[in-house]
N, C-alpha and C. Protein backbone atom coordinates (compact mmCIF):
# COMPACT_ATOMS: atom_id res chain seq x y z
N UNK A 1 166.08 274.68 -198.34
CA UNK A 1 164.97 275.04 -197.52
C UNK A 1 165.44 275.31 -196.12
N UNK A 2 165.04 276.39 -195.66
CA UNK A 2 165.40 276.76 -194.29
C UNK A 2 164.14 276.74 -193.43
N UNK A 3 164.32 276.28 -192.27
CA UNK A 3 163.17 276.27 -191.35
C UNK A 3 163.38 277.34 -190.30
N UNK A 4 162.31 277.89 -189.94
CA UNK A 4 162.34 278.96 -188.96
C UNK A 4 162.35 278.34 -187.56
N UNK A 5 163.30 278.71 -186.73
CA UNK A 5 163.32 278.15 -185.38
C UNK A 5 162.15 278.68 -184.55
N UNK A 6 161.65 277.81 -183.70
CA UNK A 6 160.52 278.20 -182.85
C UNK A 6 161.06 278.96 -181.65
N UNK A 7 160.60 280.17 -181.52
CA UNK A 7 161.03 280.96 -180.37
C UNK A 7 159.86 281.28 -179.45
N UNK A 8 158.68 281.10 -179.95
CA UNK A 8 157.49 281.40 -179.15
C UNK A 8 157.07 280.16 -178.38
N UNK A 9 157.04 280.18 -177.03
CA UNK A 9 156.65 279.00 -176.28
C UNK A 9 155.18 278.65 -176.47
N UNK A 10 154.34 279.57 -176.87
CA UNK A 10 152.93 279.27 -177.10
C UNK A 10 152.77 278.36 -178.29
N UNK A 11 153.73 278.42 -179.25
CA UNK A 11 153.66 277.56 -180.41
C UNK A 11 153.93 276.11 -180.04
N UNK A 12 154.66 275.86 -178.95
CA UNK A 12 154.97 274.50 -178.53
C UNK A 12 153.72 273.78 -178.06
N UNK A 13 152.78 274.50 -177.47
CA UNK A 13 151.57 273.89 -176.92
C UNK A 13 150.52 273.62 -177.98
N UNK A 14 150.74 274.08 -179.19
CA UNK A 14 149.72 273.93 -180.21
C UNK A 14 150.20 273.00 -181.30
N UNK A 15 149.28 272.16 -181.77
CA UNK A 15 149.53 271.33 -182.93
C UNK A 15 148.35 271.49 -183.85
N UNK A 16 148.61 271.77 -185.07
CA UNK A 16 147.58 272.00 -186.08
C UNK A 16 146.65 273.14 -185.69
N UNK A 17 147.15 274.12 -184.98
CA UNK A 17 146.34 275.28 -184.63
C UNK A 17 145.41 275.05 -183.46
N UNK A 18 145.44 273.85 -182.86
CA UNK A 18 144.56 273.56 -181.74
C UNK A 18 145.39 273.40 -180.48
N UNK A 19 144.94 273.95 -179.37
CA UNK A 19 145.70 273.78 -178.14
C UNK A 19 145.54 272.36 -177.62
N UNK A 20 146.60 271.87 -177.02
CA UNK A 20 146.54 270.53 -176.44
C UNK A 20 146.16 270.64 -174.97
N UNK A 21 145.47 269.63 -174.51
CA UNK A 21 145.05 269.62 -173.12
C UNK A 21 145.94 268.68 -172.33
N UNK A 22 146.20 269.08 -171.12
CA UNK A 22 146.92 268.21 -170.22
C UNK A 22 145.90 267.29 -169.58
N UNK A 23 146.18 265.97 -169.49
CA UNK A 23 145.19 265.07 -168.91
C UNK A 23 144.90 265.45 -167.45
N UNK A 24 143.62 265.45 -167.09
CA UNK A 24 143.20 265.74 -165.72
C UNK A 24 142.94 267.21 -165.46
N UNK A 25 143.17 268.08 -166.43
CA UNK A 25 142.88 269.49 -166.22
C UNK A 25 141.83 269.92 -167.21
N UNK A 26 140.87 270.70 -166.80
CA UNK A 26 139.85 271.18 -167.73
C UNK A 26 140.43 272.23 -168.65
N UNK A 27 139.67 272.57 -169.68
CA UNK A 27 140.08 273.57 -170.66
C UNK A 27 140.40 274.89 -169.97
N UNK A 28 141.54 275.42 -170.20
CA UNK A 28 141.89 276.73 -169.69
C UNK A 28 142.24 276.76 -168.22
N UNK A 29 142.32 275.63 -167.56
CA UNK A 29 142.59 275.62 -166.14
C UNK A 29 144.07 275.84 -165.85
N UNK A 30 144.94 275.61 -166.87
CA UNK A 30 146.36 275.74 -166.62
C UNK A 30 146.84 277.18 -166.81
N UNK A 31 145.96 278.08 -167.24
CA UNK A 31 146.36 279.47 -167.41
C UNK A 31 146.16 280.20 -166.09
N UNK A 32 147.17 280.89 -165.62
CA UNK A 32 147.02 281.62 -164.35
C UNK A 32 146.09 282.81 -164.52
N UNK A 33 145.36 283.11 -163.45
CA UNK A 33 144.44 284.25 -163.51
C UNK A 33 145.22 285.53 -163.33
N UNK A 34 144.82 286.53 -164.07
CA UNK A 34 145.43 287.84 -163.93
C UNK A 34 144.67 288.62 -162.87
N UNK A 35 145.36 289.29 -161.97
CA UNK A 35 144.65 290.06 -160.95
C UNK A 35 143.88 291.20 -161.59
N UNK A 36 142.70 291.44 -161.08
CA UNK A 36 141.87 292.51 -161.63
C UNK A 36 142.24 293.83 -160.97
N UNK A 37 141.64 294.90 -161.44
CA UNK A 37 141.91 296.21 -160.87
C UNK A 37 141.42 296.29 -159.44
N UNK A 38 140.33 295.60 -159.14
CA UNK A 38 139.79 295.64 -157.78
C UNK A 38 140.73 294.93 -156.82
N UNK A 39 141.47 293.92 -157.32
CA UNK A 39 142.41 293.21 -156.46
C UNK A 39 143.63 294.07 -156.14
N UNK A 40 144.04 294.87 -157.11
CA UNK A 40 145.22 295.70 -156.90
C UNK A 40 144.96 296.82 -155.91
N UNK A 41 143.75 297.29 -155.83
CA UNK A 41 143.43 298.42 -154.97
C UNK A 41 143.63 299.74 -155.69
N UNK A 42 144.25 299.72 -156.87
CA UNK A 42 144.46 300.93 -157.64
C UNK A 42 144.15 300.64 -159.09
N UNK A 43 143.60 301.59 -159.76
CA UNK A 43 143.37 301.45 -161.19
C UNK A 43 144.69 301.72 -161.91
N UNK A 44 144.82 301.21 -163.13
CA UNK A 44 146.05 301.40 -163.88
C UNK A 44 146.20 302.88 -164.22
N UNK A 45 147.42 303.34 -164.16
CA UNK A 45 147.69 304.71 -164.55
C UNK A 45 147.55 305.70 -163.42
N UNK A 46 147.13 305.27 -162.24
CA UNK A 46 147.00 306.19 -161.12
C UNK A 46 148.21 306.02 -160.22
N UNK A 47 148.64 307.12 -159.68
CA UNK A 47 149.75 307.07 -158.76
C UNK A 47 149.22 306.89 -157.35
N UNK A 48 150.06 306.40 -156.49
CA UNK A 48 149.68 306.21 -155.09
C UNK A 48 149.75 307.56 -154.38
N UNK A 49 148.59 308.14 -154.15
CA UNK A 49 148.54 309.42 -153.46
C UNK A 49 147.83 309.21 -152.14
N UNK A 50 148.56 309.39 -151.07
CA UNK A 50 147.98 309.15 -149.74
C UNK A 50 147.02 310.24 -149.35
N UNK A 51 147.17 311.41 -149.87
CA UNK A 51 146.27 312.51 -149.53
C UNK A 51 144.87 312.27 -150.05
N UNK A 52 144.72 311.64 -151.21
CA UNK A 52 143.40 311.39 -151.77
C UNK A 52 142.72 310.20 -151.11
N UNK A 53 143.49 309.26 -150.57
CA UNK A 53 142.92 308.05 -149.97
C UNK A 53 142.36 308.30 -148.58
N UNK A 54 142.84 309.30 -147.89
CA UNK A 54 142.41 309.53 -146.51
C UNK A 54 140.90 309.82 -146.41
N UNK A 55 140.31 310.67 -147.25
CA UNK A 55 138.85 310.86 -147.16
C UNK A 55 138.07 309.59 -147.48
N UNK A 56 138.58 308.79 -148.40
CA UNK A 56 137.91 307.53 -148.75
C UNK A 56 137.96 306.58 -147.57
N UNK A 57 139.11 306.48 -146.93
CA UNK A 57 139.22 305.61 -145.75
C UNK A 57 138.31 306.08 -144.63
N UNK A 58 138.26 307.38 -144.45
CA UNK A 58 137.39 307.93 -143.41
C UNK A 58 135.93 307.60 -143.69
N UNK A 59 135.51 307.74 -144.94
CA UNK A 59 134.13 307.42 -145.30
C UNK A 59 133.84 305.93 -145.14
N UNK A 60 134.80 305.09 -145.47
CA UNK A 60 134.60 303.65 -145.30
C UNK A 60 134.48 303.27 -143.83
N UNK A 61 135.33 303.87 -142.98
CA UNK A 61 135.22 303.61 -141.54
C UNK A 61 133.87 304.07 -141.00
N UNK A 62 133.44 305.24 -141.44
CA UNK A 62 132.15 305.77 -141.00
C UNK A 62 131.01 304.87 -141.47
N UNK A 63 131.09 304.39 -142.71
CA UNK A 63 130.05 303.50 -143.22
C UNK A 63 130.04 302.19 -142.45
N UNK A 64 131.22 301.66 -142.12
CA UNK A 64 131.29 300.43 -141.33
C UNK A 64 130.69 300.64 -139.95
N UNK A 65 131.00 301.77 -139.32
CA UNK A 65 130.42 302.07 -138.01
C UNK A 65 128.90 302.18 -138.09
N UNK A 66 128.40 302.81 -139.13
CA UNK A 66 126.95 302.94 -139.29
C UNK A 66 126.30 301.58 -139.53
N UNK A 67 126.94 300.72 -140.31
CA UNK A 67 126.39 299.38 -140.53
C UNK A 67 126.35 298.59 -139.23
N UNK A 68 127.39 298.71 -138.41
CA UNK A 68 127.42 298.01 -137.13
C UNK A 68 126.34 298.55 -136.19
N UNK A 69 126.16 299.85 -136.17
CA UNK A 69 125.12 300.44 -135.32
C UNK A 69 123.73 299.98 -135.78
N UNK A 70 123.52 299.90 -137.09
CA UNK A 70 122.23 299.43 -137.60
C UNK A 70 122.00 297.97 -137.23
N UNK A 71 123.05 297.15 -137.31
CA UNK A 71 122.93 295.74 -136.94
C UNK A 71 122.61 295.60 -135.45
N UNK A 72 123.27 296.40 -134.61
CA UNK A 72 123.00 296.37 -133.17
C UNK A 72 121.58 296.82 -132.87
N UNK A 73 121.11 297.84 -133.58
CA UNK A 73 119.75 298.33 -133.36
C UNK A 73 118.72 297.28 -133.77
N UNK A 74 118.96 296.57 -134.86
CA UNK A 74 118.04 295.51 -135.27
C UNK A 74 118.00 294.39 -134.25
N UNK A 75 119.14 294.04 -133.69
CA UNK A 75 119.18 292.99 -132.66
C UNK A 75 118.42 293.44 -131.41
N UNK A 76 118.56 294.70 -131.05
CA UNK A 76 117.85 295.22 -129.87
C UNK A 76 116.34 295.25 -130.12
N UNK A 77 115.93 295.62 -131.32
CA UNK A 77 114.50 295.63 -131.65
C UNK A 77 113.94 294.21 -131.58
N UNK A 78 114.66 293.24 -132.08
CA UNK A 78 114.22 291.84 -132.02
C UNK A 78 114.10 291.38 -130.58
N UNK A 79 115.08 291.72 -129.75
CA UNK A 79 115.05 291.32 -128.35
C UNK A 79 113.86 291.95 -127.62
N UNK A 80 113.62 293.23 -127.86
CA UNK A 80 112.51 293.91 -127.19
C UNK A 80 111.16 293.41 -127.69
N UNK A 81 111.07 293.06 -128.96
CA UNK A 81 109.83 292.50 -129.50
C UNK A 81 109.52 291.16 -128.84
N UNK A 82 110.54 290.32 -128.69
CA UNK A 82 110.34 289.03 -128.02
C UNK A 82 109.95 289.22 -126.56
N UNK A 83 110.57 290.19 -125.90
CA UNK A 83 110.24 290.45 -124.50
C UNK A 83 108.81 290.95 -124.35
N UNK A 84 108.38 291.82 -125.25
CA UNK A 84 107.00 292.33 -125.21
C UNK A 84 106.00 291.21 -125.45
N UNK A 85 106.30 290.31 -126.37
CA UNK A 85 105.41 289.18 -126.62
C UNK A 85 105.30 288.29 -125.38
N UNK A 86 106.40 288.09 -124.66
CA UNK A 86 106.36 287.28 -123.44
C UNK A 86 105.53 287.97 -122.35
N UNK A 87 105.65 289.28 -122.24
CA UNK A 87 104.85 290.02 -121.25
C UNK A 87 103.37 289.93 -121.61
N UNK A 88 103.05 290.07 -122.89
CA UNK A 88 101.65 289.96 -123.32
C UNK A 88 101.09 288.58 -123.00
N UNK A 89 101.87 287.53 -123.26
CA UNK A 89 101.41 286.18 -122.97
C UNK A 89 101.18 285.97 -121.47
N UNK A 90 102.06 286.53 -120.65
CA UNK A 90 101.88 286.37 -119.20
C UNK A 90 100.67 287.15 -118.71
N UNK A 91 100.38 288.31 -119.31
CA UNK A 91 99.18 289.06 -118.94
C UNK A 91 97.92 288.28 -119.30
N UNK A 92 97.92 287.68 -120.47
CA UNK A 92 96.76 286.89 -120.90
C UNK A 92 96.60 285.68 -119.99
N UNK A 93 97.69 285.01 -119.65
CA UNK A 93 97.61 283.84 -118.78
C UNK A 93 97.08 284.22 -117.40
N UNK A 94 97.49 285.37 -116.88
CA UNK A 94 97.00 285.82 -115.58
C UNK A 94 95.51 286.16 -115.64
N UNK A 95 95.06 286.72 -116.76
CA UNK A 95 93.65 287.05 -116.90
C UNK A 95 92.81 285.79 -117.12
N UNK A 96 93.39 284.75 -117.69
CA UNK A 96 92.64 283.51 -117.95
C UNK A 96 92.53 282.63 -116.71
N UNK A 97 93.39 282.81 -115.73
CA UNK A 97 93.41 281.94 -114.56
C UNK A 97 92.05 281.87 -113.85
N UNK A 98 91.38 282.99 -113.56
CA UNK A 98 90.08 282.88 -112.88
C UNK A 98 88.96 282.32 -113.76
N UNK A 99 89.12 282.37 -115.07
CA UNK A 99 88.05 281.90 -115.95
C UNK A 99 88.04 280.38 -116.11
N UNK A 100 89.15 279.72 -115.84
CA UNK A 100 89.21 278.27 -115.98
C UNK A 100 89.58 277.81 -117.38
N UNK A 101 89.94 278.72 -118.26
CA UNK A 101 90.35 278.36 -119.62
C UNK A 101 91.87 278.30 -119.65
N UNK A 102 92.39 277.22 -120.20
CA UNK A 102 93.83 277.03 -120.29
C UNK A 102 94.42 278.02 -121.30
N UNK A 103 95.60 278.59 -121.01
CA UNK A 103 96.24 279.47 -121.99
C UNK A 103 96.54 278.76 -123.31
N UNK A 104 96.84 277.46 -123.27
CA UNK A 104 97.10 276.72 -124.52
C UNK A 104 95.85 276.65 -125.37
N UNK A 105 94.69 276.41 -124.74
CA UNK A 105 93.42 276.37 -125.48
C UNK A 105 93.11 277.75 -126.02
N UNK A 106 93.34 278.77 -125.22
CA UNK A 106 93.04 280.14 -125.64
C UNK A 106 93.92 280.55 -126.82
N UNK A 107 95.20 280.16 -126.80
CA UNK A 107 96.11 280.52 -127.89
C UNK A 107 95.71 279.83 -129.19
N UNK A 108 95.19 278.61 -129.11
CA UNK A 108 94.79 277.89 -130.33
C UNK A 108 93.42 278.30 -130.84
N UNK A 109 92.45 278.48 -129.95
CA UNK A 109 91.08 278.71 -130.39
C UNK A 109 90.61 280.14 -130.18
N UNK A 110 91.34 280.91 -129.42
CA UNK A 110 90.93 282.27 -129.12
C UNK A 110 91.34 283.25 -130.21
N UNK A 111 90.96 284.50 -130.04
CA UNK A 111 91.33 285.51 -131.03
C UNK A 111 92.82 285.84 -130.94
N UNK A 112 93.38 286.41 -132.01
CA UNK A 112 94.79 286.82 -131.94
C UNK A 112 94.98 287.96 -130.93
N UNK A 113 96.18 288.10 -130.44
CA UNK A 113 96.45 289.11 -129.42
C UNK A 113 96.20 290.53 -129.91
N UNK A 114 96.37 290.78 -131.20
CA UNK A 114 96.15 292.13 -131.72
C UNK A 114 94.70 292.56 -131.56
N UNK A 115 93.76 291.62 -131.58
CA UNK A 115 92.35 291.96 -131.39
C UNK A 115 92.03 292.24 -129.93
N UNK A 116 92.90 291.86 -129.03
CA UNK A 116 92.65 292.05 -127.60
C UNK A 116 93.30 293.32 -127.06
N UNK A 117 93.89 294.12 -127.90
CA UNK A 117 94.56 295.35 -127.46
C UNK A 117 93.58 296.52 -127.47
N UNK A 118 93.84 297.46 -126.56
CA UNK A 118 93.04 298.68 -126.57
C UNK A 118 93.68 299.69 -127.52
N UNK A 119 93.19 300.92 -127.53
CA UNK A 119 93.68 301.91 -128.49
C UNK A 119 95.13 302.31 -128.23
N UNK A 120 95.62 302.12 -127.02
CA UNK A 120 97.02 302.46 -126.72
C UNK A 120 97.98 301.30 -126.99
N UNK A 121 97.46 300.13 -127.34
CA UNK A 121 98.30 298.98 -127.68
C UNK A 121 98.52 298.02 -126.54
N UNK A 122 97.91 298.26 -125.38
CA UNK A 122 98.06 297.39 -124.22
C UNK A 122 96.97 296.33 -124.25
N UNK A 123 97.27 295.13 -123.75
CA UNK A 123 96.28 294.06 -123.69
C UNK A 123 95.15 294.49 -122.76
N UNK A 124 93.92 294.45 -123.26
CA UNK A 124 92.74 294.79 -122.47
C UNK A 124 92.26 293.52 -121.77
N UNK A 125 92.37 293.49 -120.45
CA UNK A 125 92.03 292.29 -119.69
C UNK A 125 90.53 292.00 -119.75
N UNK A 126 89.70 293.01 -119.92
CA UNK A 126 88.26 292.79 -120.09
C UNK A 126 87.96 292.03 -121.37
N UNK A 127 88.66 292.38 -122.44
CA UNK A 127 88.48 291.66 -123.71
C UNK A 127 88.95 290.22 -123.59
N UNK A 128 90.03 290.00 -122.84
CA UNK A 128 90.54 288.64 -122.64
C UNK A 128 89.50 287.81 -121.90
N UNK A 129 88.93 288.38 -120.84
CA UNK A 129 87.93 287.66 -120.06
C UNK A 129 86.69 287.37 -120.90
N UNK A 130 86.24 288.36 -121.68
CA UNK A 130 85.07 288.15 -122.54
C UNK A 130 85.34 287.07 -123.58
N UNK A 131 86.53 287.07 -124.17
CA UNK A 131 86.88 286.05 -125.16
C UNK A 131 86.95 284.67 -124.50
N UNK A 132 87.45 284.61 -123.27
CA UNK A 132 87.51 283.33 -122.56
C UNK A 132 86.11 282.81 -122.24
N UNK A 133 85.22 283.69 -121.85
CA UNK A 133 83.83 283.28 -121.58
C UNK A 133 83.16 282.80 -122.86
N UNK A 134 83.44 283.45 -123.98
CA UNK A 134 82.88 283.00 -125.27
C UNK A 134 83.42 281.61 -125.63
N UNK A 135 84.70 281.37 -125.38
CA UNK A 135 85.26 280.04 -125.63
C UNK A 135 84.63 278.98 -124.74
N UNK A 136 84.40 279.33 -123.49
CA UNK A 136 83.77 278.38 -122.57
C UNK A 136 82.38 278.01 -123.06
N UNK A 137 81.62 278.99 -123.54
CA UNK A 137 80.27 278.73 -124.04
C UNK A 137 80.32 277.93 -125.34
N UNK A 138 81.23 278.27 -126.22
CA UNK A 138 81.31 277.61 -127.53
C UNK A 138 81.73 276.15 -127.40
N UNK A 139 82.71 275.86 -126.57
CA UNK A 139 83.23 274.51 -126.46
C UNK A 139 82.72 273.75 -125.25
N UNK A 140 81.86 274.35 -124.47
CA UNK A 140 81.29 273.67 -123.31
C UNK A 140 82.30 273.40 -122.21
N UNK A 141 83.21 274.32 -122.01
CA UNK A 141 84.22 274.16 -120.97
C UNK A 141 83.57 274.50 -119.63
N UNK A 142 83.62 273.55 -118.72
CA UNK A 142 83.04 273.77 -117.39
C UNK A 142 84.16 274.07 -116.41
N UNK A 143 83.84 274.81 -115.37
CA UNK A 143 84.88 275.06 -114.37
C UNK A 143 85.21 273.77 -113.63
N UNK A 144 86.40 273.70 -113.12
CA UNK A 144 86.84 272.52 -112.37
C UNK A 144 86.08 272.40 -111.06
N UNK A 145 86.20 271.27 -110.40
CA UNK A 145 85.50 271.08 -109.13
C UNK A 145 86.00 272.08 -108.09
N UNK A 146 85.05 272.62 -107.35
CA UNK A 146 85.38 273.57 -106.30
C UNK A 146 85.55 272.83 -104.98
N UNK A 147 86.54 273.16 -104.21
CA UNK A 147 86.74 272.47 -102.93
C UNK A 147 85.67 272.88 -101.92
N UNK A 148 85.33 271.93 -101.04
CA UNK A 148 84.39 272.21 -99.96
C UNK A 148 85.17 272.88 -98.85
N UNK A 149 84.82 274.11 -98.50
CA UNK A 149 85.61 274.80 -97.49
C UNK A 149 85.50 274.18 -96.11
N UNK A 150 84.44 273.40 -95.83
CA UNK A 150 84.28 272.79 -94.51
C UNK A 150 84.99 271.45 -94.41
N UNK A 151 85.35 270.88 -95.51
CA UNK A 151 85.98 269.58 -95.48
C UNK A 151 87.42 269.70 -94.97
N UNK A 152 87.75 268.86 -94.01
CA UNK A 152 89.10 268.85 -93.48
C UNK A 152 89.34 269.80 -92.33
N UNK A 153 88.37 270.61 -91.97
CA UNK A 153 88.58 271.51 -90.83
C UNK A 153 88.16 270.80 -89.56
N UNK A 154 88.89 270.97 -88.49
CA UNK A 154 88.54 270.27 -87.25
C UNK A 154 87.27 270.88 -86.64
N UNK A 155 86.55 270.04 -85.93
CA UNK A 155 85.35 270.55 -85.26
C UNK A 155 85.77 271.38 -84.06
N UNK A 156 84.89 272.22 -83.61
CA UNK A 156 85.21 273.11 -82.51
C UNK A 156 85.01 272.45 -81.14
N UNK A 157 84.42 271.29 -81.12
CA UNK A 157 84.16 270.60 -79.86
C UNK A 157 85.45 270.01 -79.32
N UNK A 158 85.60 270.11 -77.98
CA UNK A 158 86.80 269.62 -77.34
C UNK A 158 86.64 268.14 -77.01
N UNK A 159 87.73 267.41 -77.12
CA UNK A 159 87.68 265.98 -76.82
C UNK A 159 87.41 265.78 -75.33
N UNK A 160 86.69 264.71 -74.99
CA UNK A 160 86.31 264.47 -73.60
C UNK A 160 87.50 264.04 -72.76
N UNK A 161 88.21 263.07 -73.17
CA UNK A 161 89.35 262.58 -72.40
C UNK A 161 90.63 262.82 -73.19
N UNK A 162 91.51 263.55 -72.60
CA UNK A 162 92.80 263.80 -73.23
C UNK A 162 93.88 263.12 -72.42
N UNK A 163 95.02 262.99 -72.95
CA UNK A 163 96.13 262.36 -72.27
C UNK A 163 96.58 263.19 -71.07
N UNK A 164 96.51 264.48 -71.21
CA UNK A 164 96.91 265.34 -70.10
C UNK A 164 95.97 265.18 -68.91
N UNK A 165 94.71 264.97 -69.17
CA UNK A 165 93.75 264.79 -68.08
C UNK A 165 93.98 263.46 -67.37
N UNK A 166 94.50 262.48 -68.03
CA UNK A 166 94.75 261.18 -67.40
C UNK A 166 95.81 261.28 -66.32
N UNK A 167 96.74 262.16 -66.44
CA UNK A 167 97.81 262.29 -65.46
C UNK A 167 97.52 263.33 -64.38
N UNK A 168 96.51 264.13 -64.56
CA UNK A 168 96.21 265.14 -63.54
C UNK A 168 95.45 264.54 -62.37
N UNK A 169 94.82 263.44 -62.55
CA UNK A 169 94.08 262.81 -61.48
C UNK A 169 92.67 263.31 -61.35
N UNK A 170 92.27 264.15 -62.18
CA UNK A 170 90.90 264.64 -62.14
C UNK A 170 90.01 263.72 -62.92
N UNK A 171 88.85 263.47 -62.37
CA UNK A 171 87.89 262.63 -63.08
C UNK A 171 86.64 263.42 -63.34
N UNK A 172 85.97 263.05 -64.33
CA UNK A 172 84.71 263.72 -64.65
C UNK A 172 83.57 262.93 -64.21
């Protein structure tokens, strides 16, 4: 009886037709991964032709530039939208100041800003004032105390005896 020598290293790893596992490694983890065609950058059977790659590279650069420009434009739109919202809020706050309604109360209980715009898209200050007056009536908001314009003003009458008159020697 002659035995056939083992020349295939894959036969060493198998017993009874089943592969053996190395302790601590999952099934198939010891096999190295083969690089795919996408990793190579070239498909099998194609030669390296620099003349054909130049238009592809040019298109990729152009696509990258366009993606960057689109990203920059989106950032600019976001910035301008935030700035416009801040301007709208400051316009509403300025219109609410004479009415006595707090901007915080108006933002919570008042109408949305889109309802306060005119046909051109600008905040209509008349609508803001009308909405503030409606809020005052609905919630019973009263204006704050008004200062007395005469309080704290000096009288126009001159004092009878002043310090300067004491040294002049004049008597009344």
